[in-house]
Amino acid sequence: RGSTPSADALVVGVRNVARAAERYGCVAMATDGSGQHGAPVEKPSCDAGAGVEWVALAGAYILPVEGGAGYLGNVLSSLSVSRRGELEITDVLNAYHKLGYLRVASTTMKWCDAGDPEGYAQANDPAFWAGVP
């Protein structure tokens, strides 16, 4: 959904999942199919609002790596490390959103949460992915 991304755009996969706002980084996505979305929020603590819903960041990213204002190296060099001493993906996504270069693509493809040991094992199990093109 949404407009065709430019070469500078970062494209992030999003999907509807149960309790998305409690468990994942999300974007507020318009429910009218327009592709309009808000800035990424890590585990949002509020309602998305009328006409929008929280959809989970699916952990699938297409990052521009060469040229243009959205060049990944330029964006990364503009960020500071978090309190955890890391560059956070939500900060990267927000930097692209502020530049106007964040695009989202909804997916219903097979997906699993690799953020805990059980999910990580599942993500690395060929049997889980059997039949997925």
C-alpha atoms as a PDB file:
ATOM      1  CA  ARG A   1       0.000   0.000   0.000  1.00  0.00           C
ATOM      2  CA  GLY A   2       1.026   3.627  -0.296  1.00  0.00           C
ATOM      3  CA  SER A   3       3.061   5.462  -2.868  1.00  0.00           C
ATOM      4  CA  THR A   4       5.925   3.981  -4.837  1.00  0.00           C
ATOM      5  CA  PRO A   5       9.086   4.509  -2.803  1.00  0.00           C
ATOM      6  CA  SER A   6      11.943   6.595  -4.137  1.00  0.00           C
ATOM      7  CA  ALA A   7      15.499   5.283  -4.194  1.00  0.00           C
ATOM      8  CA  ASP A   8      15.973   7.153  -0.889  1.00  0.00           C
ATOM      9  CA  ALA A   9      13.079   5.393   0.847  1.00  0.00           C
ATOM     10  CA  LEU A  10      13.354   2.869   3.627  1.00  0.00           C
ATOM     11  CA  VAL A  11      10.590   0.301   3.225  1.00  0.00           C
ATOM     12  CA  VAL A  12       9.456  -1.591   6.317  1.00  0.00           C
ATOM     13  CA  GLY A  13       7.149  -4.580   6.437  1.00  0.00           C
ATOM     14  CA  VAL A  14       4.181  -4.340   8.800  1.00  0.00           C
ATOM     15  CA  ARG A  15       1.460  -6.784   9.720  1.00  0.00           C
ATOM     16  CA  ASN A  16      -1.570  -7.170  11.921  1.00  0.00           C
ATOM     17  CA  VAL A  17      -0.816  -9.341  14.934  1.00  0.00           C
ATOM     18  CA  ALA A  18      -2.573  -9.917  18.236  1.00  0.00           C
ATOM     19  CA  ARG A  19      -1.714  -7.369  20.946  1.00  0.00           C
ATOM     20  CA  ALA A  20       0.719  -5.569  18.616  1.00  0.00           C
ATOM     21  CA  ALA A  21       0.926  -2.417  20.751  1.00  0.00           C
ATOM     22  CA  GLU A  22       1.773  -4.403  23.885  1.00  0.00           C
ATOM     23  CA  ARG A  23       4.467  -6.538  22.300  1.00  0.00           C
ATOM     24  CA  TYR A  24       6.146  -4.782  19.357  1.00  0.00           C
ATOM     25  CA  GLY A  25       7.311  -1.612  17.749  1.00  0.00           C
ATOM     26  CA  CYS A  26       4.363  -0.358  15.695  1.00  0.00           C
ATOM     27  CA  VAL A  27       3.122   2.258  13.288  1.00  0.00           C
ATOM     28  CA  ALA A  28      -0.371   3.715  13.336  1.00  0.00           C
ATOM     29  CA  MET A  29      -1.812   2.789   9.943  1.00  0.00           C
ATOM     30  CA  ALA A  30      -4.949   4.236   8.368  1.00  0.00           C
ATOM     31  CA  THR A  31      -7.687   1.620   8.071  1.00  0.00           C
ATOM     32  CA  ASP A  32      -9.049   3.118   4.821  1.00  0.00           C
ATOM     33  CA  GLY A  33      -6.401   1.435   2.633  1.00  0.00           C
ATOM     34  CA  SER A  34      -4.705   4.740   1.764  1.00  0.00           C
ATOM     35  CA  GLY A  35      -1.334   3.613   3.108  1.00  0.00           C
ATOM     36  CA  GLN A  36      -1.093   6.666   5.365  1.00  0.00           C
ATOM     37  CA  HIS A  37       0.898   5.962   8.503  1.00  0.00           C
ATOM     38  CA  GLY A  38       2.447   7.664  11.486  1.00  0.00           C
ATOM     39  CA  ALA A  39       5.910   7.571  12.991  1.00  0.00           C
ATOM     40  CA  PRO A  40       7.177   4.300  14.467  1.00  0.00           C
ATOM     41  CA  VAL A  41       6.590   3.888  18.204  1.00  0.00           C
ATOM     42  CA  GLU A  42       8.162   1.230  20.417  1.00  0.00           C
ATOM     43  CA  LYS A  43       5.331  -0.570  22.257  1.00  0.00           C
ATOM     44  CA  PRO A  44       2.844   2.312  22.109  1.00  0.00           C
ATOM     45  CA  SER A  45       0.974   2.963  25.338  1.00  0.00           C
ATOM     46  CA  CYS A  46      -2.038   4.746  23.838  1.00  0.00           C
ATOM     47  CA  ASP A  47      -4.904   4.003  21.493  1.00  0.00           C
ATOM     48  CA  ALA A  48      -4.020   4.546  17.815  1.00  0.00           C
ATOM     49  CA  GLY A  49      -7.107   6.762  17.358  1.00  0.00           C
ATOM     50  CA  ALA A  50     -10.132   6.884  15.107  1.00  0.00           C
ATOM     51  CA  GLY A  51      -9.614   5.467  11.633  1.00  0.00           C
ATOM     52  CA  VAL A  52      -6.189   4.001  12.411  1.00  0.00           C
ATOM     53  CA  GLU A  53      -4.816   0.844  13.998  1.00  0.00           C
ATOM     54  CA  TRP A  54      -1.480  -0.174  15.430  1.00  0.00           C
ATOM     55  CA  VAL A  55       0.315  -2.626  13.148  1.00  0.00           C
ATOM     56  CA  ALA A  56       3.508  -4.387  14.165  1.00  0.00           C
ATOM     57  CA  LEU A  57       6.844  -3.720  12.527  1.00  0.00           C
ATOM     58  CA  ALA A  58       7.529  -7.137  11.038  1.00  0.00           C
ATOM     59  CA  GLY A  59      11.314  -6.866  11.106  1.00  0.00           C
ATOM     60  CA  ALA A  60      11.596  -6.885   7.307  1.00  0.00           C
ATOM     61  CA  TYR A  61      13.406  -3.819   5.976  1.00  0.00           C
ATOM     62  CA  ILE A  62      14.604  -2.647   2.580  1.00  0.00           C
ATOM     63  CA  LEU A  63      17.253  -0.020   3.291  1.00  0.00           C
ATOM     64  CA  PRO A  64      18.723   2.415   0.758  1.00  0.00           C
ATOM     65  CA  VAL A  65      22.486   1.973   0.925  1.00  0.00           C
ATOM     66  CA  GLU A  66      23.747   4.322  -1.780  1.00  0.00           C
ATOM     67  CA  GLY A  67      23.282   7.975  -2.697  1.00  0.00           C
ATOM     68  CA  GLY A  68      20.510  10.423  -1.956  1.00  0.00           C
ATOM     69  CA  ALA A  69      19.352  12.126   1.206  1.00  0.00           C
ATOM     70  CA  GLY A  70      18.171   8.840   2.676  1.00  0.00           C
ATOM     71  CA  TYR A  71      21.524   7.106   2.277  1.00  0.00           C
ATOM     72  CA  LEU A  72      21.817   4.771   5.255  1.00  0.00           C
ATOM     73  CA  GLY A  73      25.290   5.952   6.223  1.00  0.00           C
ATOM     74  CA  ASN A  74      24.107   9.573   6.442  1.00  0.00           C
ATOM     75  CA  VAL A  75      21.115   8.605   8.565  1.00  0.00           C
ATOM     76  CA  LEU A  76      23.155   6.430  10.924  1.00  0.00           C
ATOM     77  CA  SER A  77      25.797   9.110  11.406  1.00  0.00           C
ATOM     78  CA  SER A  78      23.072  11.544  12.500  1.00  0.00           C
ATOM     79  CA  LEU A  79      21.896   9.293  15.361  1.00  0.00           C
ATOM     80  CA  SER A  80      23.130   8.906  18.919  1.00  0.00           C
ATOM     81  CA  VAL A  81      23.358   5.650  20.806  1.00  0.00           C
ATOM     82  CA  SER A  82      20.563   4.835  23.231  1.00  0.00           C
ATOM     83  CA  ARG A  83      20.812   4.407  26.993  1.00  0.00           C
ATOM     84  CA  ARG A  84      21.529   0.761  26.212  1.00  0.00           C
ATOM     85  CA  GLY A  85      24.590   1.846  24.206  1.00  0.00           C
ATOM     86  CA  GLU A  86      23.058   0.782  20.888  1.00  0.00           C
ATOM     87  CA  LEU A  87      21.664   2.327  17.737  1.00  0.00           C
ATOM     88  CA  GLU A  88      17.973   1.435  17.951  1.00  0.00           C
ATOM     89  CA  ILE A  89      16.039   0.392  14.836  1.00  0.00           C
ATOM     90  CA  THR A  90      13.094   2.534  15.982  1.00  0.00           C
ATOM     91  CA  ASP A  91      15.413   5.580  15.903  1.00  0.00           C
ATOM     92  CA  VAL A  92      16.538   4.664  12.369  1.00  0.00           C
ATOM     93  CA  LEU A  93      12.910   4.308  11.264  1.00  0.00           C
ATOM     94  CA  ASN A  94      11.965   7.615  12.890  1.00  0.00           C
ATOM     95  CA  ALA A  95      14.856   9.385  11.148  1.00  0.00           C
ATOM     96  CA  TYR A  96      13.517   8.171   7.787  1.00  0.00           C
ATOM     97  CA  HIS A  97       9.987   9.193   8.805  1.00  0.00           C
ATOM     98  CA  LYS A  98      11.203  12.735   9.626  1.00  0.00           C
ATOM     99  CA  LEU A  99      12.921  12.904   6.219  1.00  0.00           C
ATOM    100  CA  GLY A 100       9.654  11.807   4.583  1.00  0.00           C
ATOM    101  CA  TYR A 101      11.296   8.637   3.295  1.00  0.00           C
ATOM    102  CA  LEU A 102       9.640   5.924   5.397  1.00  0.00           C
ATOM    103  CA  ARG A 103       7.270   3.687   3.450  1.00  0.00           C
ATOM    104  CA  VAL A 104       5.350   0.719   4.819  1.00  0.00           C
ATOM    105  CA  ALA A 105       4.306  -2.456   3.061  1.00  0.00           C
ATOM    106  CA  SER A 106       1.623  -4.635   4.632  1.00  0.00           C
ATOM    107  CA  THR A 107       2.219  -8.356   4.539  1.00  0.00           C
ATOM    108  CA  THR A 108       0.316 -11.472   5.465  1.00  0.00           C
ATOM    109  CA  MET A 109       3.233 -13.791   4.703  1.00  0.00           C
ATOM    110  CA  LYS A 110       4.269 -16.396   7.251  1.00  0.00           C
ATOM    111  CA  TRP A 111       6.038 -14.702  10.150  1.00  0.00           C
ATOM    112  CA  CYS A 112       7.272 -15.470  13.623  1.00  0.00           C
ATOM    113  CA  ASP A 113       8.583 -13.428  16.524  1.00  0.00           C
ATOM    114  CA  ALA A 114      12.306 -14.184  16.858  1.00  0.00           C
ATOM    115  CA  GLY A 115      12.669 -11.961  19.936  1.00  0.00           C
ATOM    116  CA  ASP A 116      12.758 -14.754  22.506  1.00  0.00           C
ATOM    117  CA  PRO A 117      14.592 -18.118  22.569  1.00  0.00           C
ATOM    118  CA  GLU A 118      11.556 -20.140  21.435  1.00  0.00           C
ATOM    119  CA  GLY A 119      10.787 -17.782  18.564  1.00  0.00           C
ATOM    120  CA  TYR A 120      14.439 -17.614  17.555  1.00  0.00           C
ATOM    121  CA  ALA A 121      14.545 -21.421  17.396  1.00  0.00           C
ATOM    122  CA  GLN A 122      11.363 -21.421  15.318  1.00  0.00           C
ATOM    123  CA  ALA A 123      12.774 -18.794  12.931  1.00  0.00           C
ATOM    124  CA  ASN A 124      15.810 -21.020  12.369  1.00  0.00           C
ATOM    125  CA  ASP A 125      13.813 -24.234  11.874  1.00  0.00           C
ATOM    126  CA  PRO A 126      13.578 -25.183   8.179  1.00  0.00           C
ATOM    127  CA  ALA A 127      10.404 -27.152   8.895  1.00  0.00           C
ATOM    128  CA  PHE A 128       8.645 -23.937   9.990  1.00  0.00           C
ATOM    129  CA  TRP A 129       9.438 -22.307   6.636  1.00  0.00           C
ATOM    130  CA  ALA A 130       8.694 -25.381   4.491  1.00  0.00           C
ATOM    131  CA  GLY A 131       6.541 -24.405   1.540  1.00  0.00           C
ATOM    132  CA  VAL A 132       7.206 -20.659   1.831  1.00  0.00           C
ATOM    133  CA  PRO A 133       8.485 -19.305  -1.515  1.00  0.00           C
END
